[in-house]
Amino acid sequence: MCSWSDHGVSELITHYYLYYMEVIISESKLTKVLHTYLTMSYEGFDNCYHDWAEFNCGMGVCCDPYAIGFNLPDSEYNEYLFKLVDVKLYDDDGDYPEDLKGELPEPCHNPPDLNDSEFDVIMIGEDMYERISDLFNDINIWREPLLSIINKTFNTNARSLTYIYE
């Protein structure tokens, strides 16, 4: 049988534990919370449109056949929230061979295929990175949930997610 003093100590220890305990949530719950946050922070997030991204090729802007840009419904054509890229060939600086800087490259004649296995990495922009990091801290906490959200919402098959400056 517990005495009152044992009960008081136990209650104090429980209070102390709960006060200093870090909140731990499962990845599925984090995915739901993150998706809700994205839809509240970026009006029209679930309705982003996509097309070939562009890069500055010295003669204006050129179609980037190695990146598909995703834009919010009311954003400018070159204000990408994130890109789906062919990580083996994509160059963030647009340092591509001359044949991509002239006429429209062949792949750009058709709409991009979000299920093309060559497009395997999501690259999020600085704004998205900073907003999510401010709330959820380190990218290693929310990288997989965000990748899951993007793949499910936009029917992509990316295997990895990175920040442009990572």
C-alpha atoms as a PDB file:
ATOM      1  CA  MET A   1       0.000   0.000   0.000  1.00  0.00           C
ATOM      2  CA  CYS A   2       1.328   3.440  -0.978  1.00  0.00           C
ATOM      3  CA  SER A   3       1.653   6.129   1.577  1.00  0.00           C
ATOM      4  CA  TRP A   4       0.743   9.737   0.824  1.00  0.00           C
ATOM      5  CA  SER A   5       4.409  10.688   0.599  1.00  0.00           C
ATOM      6  CA  ASP A   6       5.037   7.971  -2.025  1.00  0.00           C
ATOM      7  CA  HIS A   7       2.073   9.246  -4.033  1.00  0.00           C
ATOM      8  CA  GLY A   8       3.361  12.820  -3.839  1.00  0.00           C
ATOM      9  CA  VAL A   9       6.827  11.799  -5.030  1.00  0.00           C
ATOM     10  CA  SER A  10       5.351   9.753  -7.854  1.00  0.00           C
ATOM     11  CA  GLU A  11       3.150  12.660  -8.938  1.00  0.00           C
ATOM     12  CA  LEU A  12       6.113  15.030  -8.811  1.00  0.00           C
ATOM     13  CA  ILE A  13       8.227  12.675 -10.927  1.00  0.00           C
ATOM     14  CA  THR A  14       5.373  12.275 -13.457  1.00  0.00           C
ATOM     15  CA  HIS A  15       4.866  16.043 -13.643  1.00  0.00           C
ATOM     16  CA  TYR A  16       8.613  16.570 -14.114  1.00  0.00           C
ATOM     17  CA  TYR A  17       8.750  13.891 -16.837  1.00  0.00           C
ATOM     18  CA  LEU A  18       5.785  15.323 -18.748  1.00  0.00           C
ATOM     19  CA  TYR A  19       7.152  18.859 -18.471  1.00  0.00           C
ATOM     20  CA  TYR A  20      10.499  17.951 -20.040  1.00  0.00           C
ATOM     21  CA  MET A  21       9.329  15.227 -22.408  1.00  0.00           C
ATOM     22  CA  GLU A  22       9.767  16.009 -26.074  1.00  0.00           C
ATOM     23  CA  VAL A  23       6.699  15.565 -28.203  1.00  0.00           C
ATOM     24  CA  ILE A  24       7.147  12.544 -30.426  1.00  0.00           C
ATOM     25  CA  ILE A  25       4.660  11.890 -33.199  1.00  0.00           C
ATOM     26  CA  SER A  26       4.584   9.137 -35.745  1.00  0.00           C
ATOM     27  CA  GLU A  27       5.574   9.781 -39.349  1.00  0.00           C
ATOM     28  CA  SER A  28       1.981   9.278 -40.512  1.00  0.00           C
ATOM     29  CA  LYS A  29       0.744  11.937 -38.085  1.00  0.00           C
ATOM     30  CA  LEU A  30       3.598  14.249 -39.085  1.00  0.00           C
ATOM     31  CA  THR A  31       2.623  13.729 -42.727  1.00  0.00           C
ATOM     32  CA  LYS A  32      -0.966  14.784 -41.953  1.00  0.00           C
ATOM     33  CA  VAL A  33       0.156  17.797 -39.909  1.00  0.00           C
ATOM     34  CA  LEU A  34       2.657  18.835 -42.582  1.00  0.00           C
ATOM     35  CA  HIS A  35       0.089  18.494 -45.375  1.00  0.00           C
ATOM     36  CA  THR A  36      -2.379  20.618 -43.409  1.00  0.00           C
ATOM     37  CA  TYR A  37       0.347  23.193 -42.812  1.00  0.00           C
ATOM     38  CA  LEU A  38       1.216  23.294 -46.527  1.00  0.00           C
ATOM     39  CA  THR A  39      -2.404  23.772 -47.616  1.00  0.00           C
ATOM     40  CA  MET A  40      -2.803  26.585 -45.083  1.00  0.00           C
ATOM     41  CA  SER A  41       0.533  28.252 -45.896  1.00  0.00           C
ATOM     42  CA  TYR A  42       0.382  27.948 -49.671  1.00  0.00           C
ATOM     43  CA  GLU A  43      -3.060  28.743 -51.024  1.00  0.00           C
ATOM     44  CA  GLY A  44      -3.789  26.238 -53.767  1.00  0.00           C
ATOM     45  CA  PHE A  45      -0.985  23.840 -52.795  1.00  0.00           C
ATOM     46  CA  ASP A  46      -2.993  20.776 -53.818  1.00  0.00           C
ATOM     47  CA  ASN A  47      -3.742  22.438 -57.174  1.00  0.00           C
ATOM     48  CA  CYS A  48      -0.204  23.340 -58.238  1.00  0.00           C
ATOM     49  CA  TYR A  49       0.275  23.184 -61.974  1.00  0.00           C
ATOM     50  CA  HIS A  50       3.396  21.803 -63.596  1.00  0.00           C
ATOM     51  CA  ASP A  51       5.303  22.255 -66.813  1.00  0.00           C
ATOM     52  CA  TRP A  52       8.863  22.122 -68.006  1.00  0.00           C
ATOM     53  CA  ALA A  53      11.010  24.409 -65.880  1.00  0.00           C
ATOM     54  CA  GLU A  54      13.068  27.089 -67.545  1.00  0.00           C
ATOM     55  CA  PHE A  55      16.630  28.298 -67.216  1.00  0.00           C
ATOM     56  CA  ASN A  56      18.441  31.427 -68.354  1.00  0.00           C
ATOM     57  CA  CYS A  57      20.339  30.295 -71.411  1.00  0.00           C
ATOM     58  CA  GLY A  58      21.890  33.616 -72.352  1.00  0.00           C
ATOM     59  CA  MET A  59      19.286  34.286 -75.051  1.00  0.00           C
ATOM     60  CA  GLY A  60      16.422  34.727 -72.626  1.00  0.00           C
ATOM     61  CA  VAL A  61      14.830  31.679 -71.056  1.00  0.00           C
ATOM     62  CA  CYS A  62      14.988  28.159 -72.409  1.00  0.00           C
ATOM     63  CA  CYS A  63      13.086  24.977 -71.617  1.00  0.00           C
ATOM     64  CA  ASP A  64      14.904  22.744 -69.160  1.00  0.00           C
ATOM     65  CA  PRO A  65      14.297  19.136 -70.265  1.00  0.00           C
ATOM     66  CA  TYR A  66      15.734  17.884 -66.965  1.00  0.00           C
ATOM     67  CA  ALA A  67      13.359  19.715 -64.592  1.00  0.00           C
ATOM     68  CA  ILE A  68       9.602  19.941 -64.158  1.00  0.00           C
ATOM     69  CA  GLY A  69       8.536  23.029 -62.239  1.00  0.00           C
ATOM     70  CA  PHE A  70       5.521  23.097 -59.916  1.00  0.00           C
ATOM     71  CA  ASN A  71       3.799  26.426 -59.393  1.00  0.00           C
ATOM     72  CA  LEU A  72       0.989  27.608 -57.177  1.00  0.00           C
ATOM     73  CA  PRO A  73      -2.161  28.513 -59.144  1.00  0.00           C
ATOM     74  CA  ASP A  74      -1.698  32.298 -58.927  1.00  0.00           C
ATOM     75  CA  SER A  75       2.100  32.444 -59.166  1.00  0.00           C
ATOM     76  CA  GLU A  76       4.288  33.549 -62.038  1.00  0.00           C
ATOM     77  CA  TYR A  77       5.467  30.898 -64.490  1.00  0.00           C
ATOM     78  CA  ASN A  78       9.016  30.923 -63.080  1.00  0.00           C
ATOM     79  CA  GLU A  79       8.174  31.028 -59.346  1.00  0.00           C
ATOM     80  CA  TYR A  80       8.590  27.340 -58.641  1.00  0.00           C
ATOM     81  CA  LEU A  81       7.507  26.000 -55.279  1.00  0.00           C
ATOM     82  CA  PHE A  82       9.536  22.899 -56.064  1.00  0.00           C
ATOM     83  CA  LYS A  83      10.939  20.990 -59.023  1.00  0.00           C
ATOM     84  CA  LEU A  84      10.969  17.341 -60.000  1.00  0.00           C
ATOM     85  CA  VAL A  85      14.377  16.769 -61.589  1.00  0.00           C
ATOM     86  CA  ASP A  86      16.501  14.194 -63.356  1.00  0.00           C
ATOM     87  CA  VAL A  87      19.281  14.439 -60.798  1.00  0.00           C
ATOM     88  CA  LYS A  88      21.883  12.885 -63.118  1.00  0.00           C
ATOM     89  CA  LEU A  89      21.498  15.596 -65.777  1.00  0.00           C
ATOM     90  CA  TYR A  90      19.930  18.601 -64.015  1.00  0.00           C
ATOM     91  CA  ASP A  91      22.072  21.678 -63.408  1.00  0.00           C
ATOM     92  CA  ASP A  92      20.647  24.349 -61.117  1.00  0.00           C
ATOM     93  CA  ASP A  93      22.767  27.006 -62.837  1.00  0.00           C
ATOM     94  CA  GLY A  94      21.602  25.963 -66.321  1.00  0.00           C
ATOM     95  CA  ASP A  95      25.117  25.060 -67.403  1.00  0.00           C
ATOM     96  CA  TYR A  96      23.975  22.830 -70.247  1.00  0.00           C
ATOM     97  CA  PRO A  97      25.451  22.015 -73.667  1.00  0.00           C
ATOM     98  CA  GLU A  98      24.851  24.482 -76.469  1.00  0.00           C
ATOM     99  CA  ASP A  99      22.287  22.242 -78.202  1.00  0.00           C
ATOM    100  CA  LEU A 100      19.867  22.914 -75.312  1.00  0.00           C
ATOM    101  CA  LYS A 101      20.327  26.664 -75.648  1.00  0.00           C
ATOM    102  CA  GLY A 102      19.159  27.040 -79.213  1.00  0.00           C
ATOM    103  CA  GLU A 103      15.930  25.602 -80.535  1.00  0.00           C
ATOM    104  CA  LEU A 104      13.385  23.977 -78.266  1.00  0.00           C
ATOM    105  CA  PRO A 105      14.798  20.604 -77.131  1.00  0.00           C
ATOM    106  CA  GLU A 106      12.813  17.594 -78.343  1.00  0.00           C
ATOM    107  CA  PRO A 107      11.407  16.589 -74.910  1.00  0.00           C
ATOM    108  CA  CYS A 108       9.932  20.073 -74.502  1.00  0.00           C
ATOM    109  CA  HIS A 109       7.637  19.603 -77.505  1.00  0.00           C
ATOM    110  CA  ASN A 110       5.351  17.481 -75.301  1.00  0.00           C
ATOM    111  CA  PRO A 111       4.037  17.914 -71.778  1.00  0.00           C
ATOM    112  CA  PRO A 112       6.334  16.435 -69.129  1.00  0.00           C
ATOM    113  CA  ASP A 113       5.662  12.916 -67.854  1.00  0.00           C
ATOM    114  CA  LEU A 114       5.520  12.984 -64.052  1.00  0.00           C
ATOM    115  CA  ASN A 115       5.961   9.209 -63.939  1.00  0.00           C
ATOM    116  CA  ASP A 116       9.177   9.130 -65.959  1.00  0.00           C
ATOM    117  CA  SER A 117      11.613   7.224 -63.730  1.00  0.00           C
ATOM    118  CA  GLU A 118      14.469   9.547 -64.741  1.00  0.00           C
ATOM    119  CA  PHE A 119      12.780  12.336 -62.771  1.00  0.00           C
ATOM    120  CA  ASP A 120      13.625  11.016 -59.344  1.00  0.00           C
ATOM    121  CA  VAL A 121      14.394  13.934 -57.006  1.00  0.00           C
ATOM    122  CA  ILE A 122      12.217  16.711 -55.617  1.00  0.00           C
ATOM    123  CA  MET A 123      14.134  19.961 -55.122  1.00  0.00           C
ATOM    124  CA  ILE A 124      12.304  22.389 -52.888  1.00  0.00           C
ATOM    125  CA  GLY A 125      12.914  26.097 -53.060  1.00  0.00           C
ATOM    126  CA  GLU A 126      14.296  28.381 -50.387  1.00  0.00           C
ATOM    127  CA  ASP A 127      10.910  29.729 -49.279  1.00  0.00           C
ATOM    128  CA  MET A 128       9.421  26.284 -48.729  1.00  0.00           C
ATOM    129  CA  TYR A 129      12.560  25.076 -46.975  1.00  0.00           C
ATOM    130  CA  GLU A 130      12.650  28.037 -44.586  1.00  0.00           C
ATOM    131  CA  ARG A 131       8.935  27.907 -43.759  1.00  0.00           C
ATOM    132  CA  ILE A 132       8.955  24.204 -42.981  1.00  0.00           C
ATOM    133  CA  SER A 133      12.277  24.375 -41.121  1.00  0.00           C
ATOM    134  CA  ASP A 134      11.031  27.238 -38.959  1.00  0.00           C
ATOM    135  CA  LEU A 135       8.182  25.044 -37.738  1.00  0.00           C
ATOM    136  CA  PHE A 136       9.557  21.492 -37.891  1.00  0.00           C
ATOM    137  CA  ASN A 137      13.309  22.157 -37.555  1.00  0.00           C
ATOM    138  CA  ASP A 138      15.821  19.866 -39.250  1.00  0.00           C
ATOM    139  CA  ILE A 139      15.060  18.648 -42.782  1.00  0.00           C
ATOM    140  CA  ASN A 140      15.840  15.086 -41.700  1.00  0.00           C
ATOM    141  CA  ILE A 141      12.679  15.173 -39.565  1.00  0.00           C
ATOM    142  CA  TRP A 142      10.317  16.161 -42.367  1.00  0.00           C
ATOM    143  CA  ARG A 143      12.095  15.084 -45.585  1.00  0.00           C
ATOM    144  CA  GLU A 144      10.309  11.714 -45.959  1.00  0.00           C
ATOM    145  CA  PRO A 145       6.837  12.991 -44.962  1.00  0.00           C
ATOM    146  CA  LEU A 146       7.118  15.866 -47.475  1.00  0.00           C
ATOM    147  CA  LEU A 147       8.328  13.493 -50.190  1.00  0.00           C
ATOM    148  CA  SER A 148       5.341  11.260 -49.460  1.00  0.00           C
ATOM    149  CA  ILE A 149       2.928  14.216 -49.644  1.00  0.00           C
ATOM    150  CA  ILE A 150       4.308  15.427 -52.978  1.00  0.00           C
ATOM    151  CA  ASN A 151       4.359  11.945 -54.510  1.00  0.00           C
ATOM    152  CA  LYS A 152       0.797  11.240 -53.428  1.00  0.00           C
ATOM    153  CA  THR A 153      -0.665  14.672 -54.204  1.00  0.00           C
ATOM    154  CA  PHE A 154       0.931  15.107 -57.627  1.00  0.00           C
ATOM    155  CA  ASN A 155       1.258  11.463 -58.687  1.00  0.00           C
ATOM    156  CA  THR A 156       5.047  11.576 -58.946  1.00  0.00           C
ATOM    157  CA  ASN A 157       7.528   8.808 -58.188  1.00  0.00           C
ATOM    158  CA  ALA A 158      10.444  10.734 -56.711  1.00  0.00           C
ATOM    159  CA  ARG A 159      12.765   8.706 -54.522  1.00  0.00           C
ATOM    160  CA  SER A 160      14.477  11.580 -52.743  1.00  0.00           C
ATOM    161  CA  LEU A 161      13.911  15.172 -51.664  1.00  0.00           C
ATOM    162  CA  THR A 162      16.538  17.841 -51.245  1.00  0.00           C
ATOM    163  CA  TYR A 163      16.892  21.530 -50.699  1.00  0.00           C
ATOM    164  CA  ILE A 164      18.452  23.424 -53.604  1.00  0.00           C
ATOM    165  CA  TYR A 165      21.424  24.551 -51.515  1.00  0.00           C
ATOM    166  CA  GLU A 166      21.943  21.279 -49.638  1.00  0.00           C
END
